[in-house]
Protein backbone atom coordinates (compact mmCIF):
# COMPACT_ATOMS: atom_id res chain seq x y z
CA MET A 1 -27.08 52.12 4.33
CA ASN A 2 -23.41 51.49 3.40
CA ARG A 3 -23.31 50.46 -0.51
CA ARG A 4 -20.18 48.05 0.05
CA LYS A 5 -21.66 46.37 2.72
CA ALA A 6 -24.84 46.00 0.76
CA LEU A 7 -22.96 44.67 -1.95
CA LYS A 8 -20.49 42.33 -0.43
CA ASN A 9 -23.79 40.60 1.48
CA ILE A 10 -25.47 40.43 -1.89
CA GLY A 11 -22.59 38.62 -3.47
CA ILE A 12 -22.28 36.35 -0.48
CA SER A 13 -25.84 35.70 -0.83
CA ILE A 14 -25.99 34.88 -4.73
CA GLY A 15 -22.45 32.66 -3.56
CA THR A 16 -24.29 30.74 -1.04
CA ILE A 17 -27.34 30.16 -2.96
CA THR A 18 -25.52 28.89 -6.00
CA ALA A 19 -23.23 26.42 -4.11
CA THR A 20 -25.89 25.28 -1.72
CA PRO A 21 -27.52 22.45 -4.35
CA THR A 22 -23.68 20.89 -5.17
CA LEU A 23 -22.94 20.63 -1.51
CA MET A 24 -25.49 19.05 -0.74
CA SER A 25 -25.27 16.71 -3.79
CA ILE A 26 -22.12 15.39 -2.82
CA LEU A 27 -22.94 15.11 0.88
CA GLN A 28 -26.29 13.28 -0.20
CA ARG A 29 -24.11 11.18 -2.49
CA CYS A 30 -21.45 9.90 0.87
CA GLN A 31 -24.60 9.15 3.00
CA THR A 32 -26.21 6.87 0.73
CA GLU A 33 -23.06 4.70 -0.83
CA LYS A 34 -23.15 1.56 1.14
CA ASN A 35 -20.15 0.07 0.46
CA TRP A 36 -18.38 3.94 0.59
CA LYS A 37 -14.53 4.19 -0.28
CA PRO A 38 -12.31 7.53 0.12
CA LYS A 39 -11.76 8.77 -3.24
CA LEU A 40 -8.42 10.98 -2.26
CA LEU A 41 -7.45 9.54 1.27
CA SER A 42 -5.92 7.03 2.36
CA VAL A 43 -7.70 4.69 5.29
CA ASP A 44 -5.55 5.93 7.68
CA GLN A 45 -5.96 10.03 6.59
CA MET A 46 -9.33 9.40 6.61
CA GLU A 47 -9.08 7.97 10.82
CA VAL A 48 -7.05 11.15 11.30
CA VAL A 49 -9.54 13.65 9.15
CA SER A 50 -12.10 11.66 11.49
CA LYS A 51 -10.70 12.04 14.82
CA TYR A 52 -10.28 15.70 14.50
CA LEU A 53 -13.55 15.89 13.61
CA ASP A 54 -15.51 14.33 16.07
CA LEU A 55 -13.33 16.99 18.50
CA ILE A 56 -14.17 19.41 16.57
CA ILE A 57 -17.93 18.39 16.56
CA PRO A 58 -18.51 15.51 19.19
CA LYS A 59 -21.38 13.58 19.56
CA THR A 60 -24.36 14.35 22.37
CA ASP A 61 -27.39 13.09 23.27
CA ASP A 62 -29.09 15.33 21.10
CA ILE A 63 -26.81 15.85 18.40
CA PRO A 64 -24.99 13.50 16.66
CA GLY A 65 -21.01 13.57 15.86
CA ALA A 66 -19.39 14.37 12.78
CA THR A 67 -18.62 10.90 11.65
CA GLU A 68 -22.15 9.70 11.98
CA LEU A 69 -23.32 12.96 10.09
CA GLY A 70 -20.47 11.87 7.07
CA LEU A 71 -18.79 15.11 7.32
CA HIS A 72 -15.27 12.77 7.06
CA LYS A 73 -16.64 10.87 3.28
CA TRP A 74 -18.03 14.98 2.48
CA ILE A 75 -14.63 16.43 2.90
CA ASP A 76 -13.20 13.17 1.12
CA ALA A 77 -15.40 13.84 -1.84
CA TYR A 78 -15.19 17.62 -1.29
CA ALA A 79 -11.54 17.55 -1.76
CA TYR A 80 -11.73 15.19 -4.98
CA GLU A 81 -14.18 17.03 -6.65
CA SER A 82 -13.39 20.48 -6.29
CA PHE A 83 -9.70 20.86 -6.04
CA ASP A 84 -7.49 21.32 -9.13
CA GLU A 85 -4.48 18.90 -9.28
CA ASP A 86 -2.03 21.90 -7.37
CA GLY A 87 -4.98 22.21 -4.75
CA LEU A 88 -5.10 18.27 -4.12
CA LYS A 89 -1.45 18.59 -3.95
CA ALA A 90 -1.19 21.55 -0.93
CA TYR A 91 -4.13 19.64 0.13
CA LEU A 92 -2.49 16.36 0.73
CA ILE A 93 1.34 18.11 1.83
CA HIS A 94 -0.67 20.10 4.80
CA LEU A 95 -2.44 17.03 5.61
CA ASN A 96 0.32 14.55 5.59
CA SER A 97 2.17 17.11 7.91
CA LEU A 98 -0.10 17.93 10.19
CA ILE A 99 -0.29 13.72 10.48
CA ILE A 100 3.54 13.67 11.09
CA ASN A 101 3.12 16.55 13.45
CA SER A 102 0.52 14.68 15.33
CA LEU A 103 3.00 11.70 15.60
CA ASP A 104 6.26 13.16 16.40
CA THR A 105 4.35 15.73 19.04
CA ALA A 106 2.70 11.77 20.59
CA SER A 107 6.51 10.86 19.92
CA LYS A 108 4.07 7.50 18.22
CA LYS A 109 5.23 5.88 15.25
CA ASN A 110 1.48 4.84 14.24
CA ILE A 111 -1.45 6.77 13.53
CA ASN A 112 -3.67 3.84 15.53
CA LYS A 113 -1.61 4.38 18.25
CA LEU A 114 -2.96 8.31 18.76
CA SER A 115 -5.37 8.51 21.80
CA ASN A 116 -7.95 11.00 22.06
CA ASP A 117 -5.71 13.48 24.39
CA ASP A 118 -2.69 13.68 21.40
CA TYR A 119 -5.29 14.73 18.76
CA GLU A 120 -7.28 17.08 21.37
CA ASN A 121 -3.45 18.44 22.23
CA GLN A 122 -2.98 19.03 18.78
CA LEU A 123 -5.96 20.71 18.01
CA LYS A 124 -5.86 23.45 20.68
CA LYS A 125 -2.10 23.72 19.42
CA PHE A 126 -3.18 24.93 16.15
CA LEU A 127 -5.73 26.75 17.26
CA LEU A 128 -4.44 28.92 19.86
CA ALA A 129 -1.61 29.61 17.46
CA ASP A 130 -0.30 33.06 16.85
CA LYS A 131 -0.07 34.52 13.76
CA SER A 132 4.00 34.31 13.47
CA LYS A 133 3.77 30.77 14.32
CA THR A 134 1.15 29.97 11.62
CA LYS A 135 3.16 31.79 9.19
CA GLN A 136 6.06 30.04 10.47
CA TRP A 137 4.38 26.39 9.43
CA GLU A 138 3.28 27.95 6.30
CA GLU A 139 6.65 28.87 5.06
CA SER A 140 8.31 25.14 6.78
CA VAL A 141 5.32 23.06 4.70
CA ASN A 142 6.20 25.31 1.42
């Protein structure tokens, strides 16, 4: 047996077991709050996050979609509670860059004017990008 692989798997297992209660408590809190408000993101930022999540995990007849599951709330709470100050700044810079890029690509001025096709085109663009393009984007954000 490959010892390195075994140690890696044990480490991942322990990390998952340790992190799971914390992550589940965050998710449970998000689902039980009646008058929920974002802790970190603005209403517009939450709109964008929700739209992208619904494209990634769409609602079907058998399975609820991402926003029905409250994943947008979980992402906001997780980022707020787990990132340090520098991590929060970087997260918001990247999110705002995505929003600006989405608006520019669609030639629109307001987030509310973006269509599902606009979001889907951006998602495809970023998910199918090669490493050189990804590196170029990271450098421009930095």
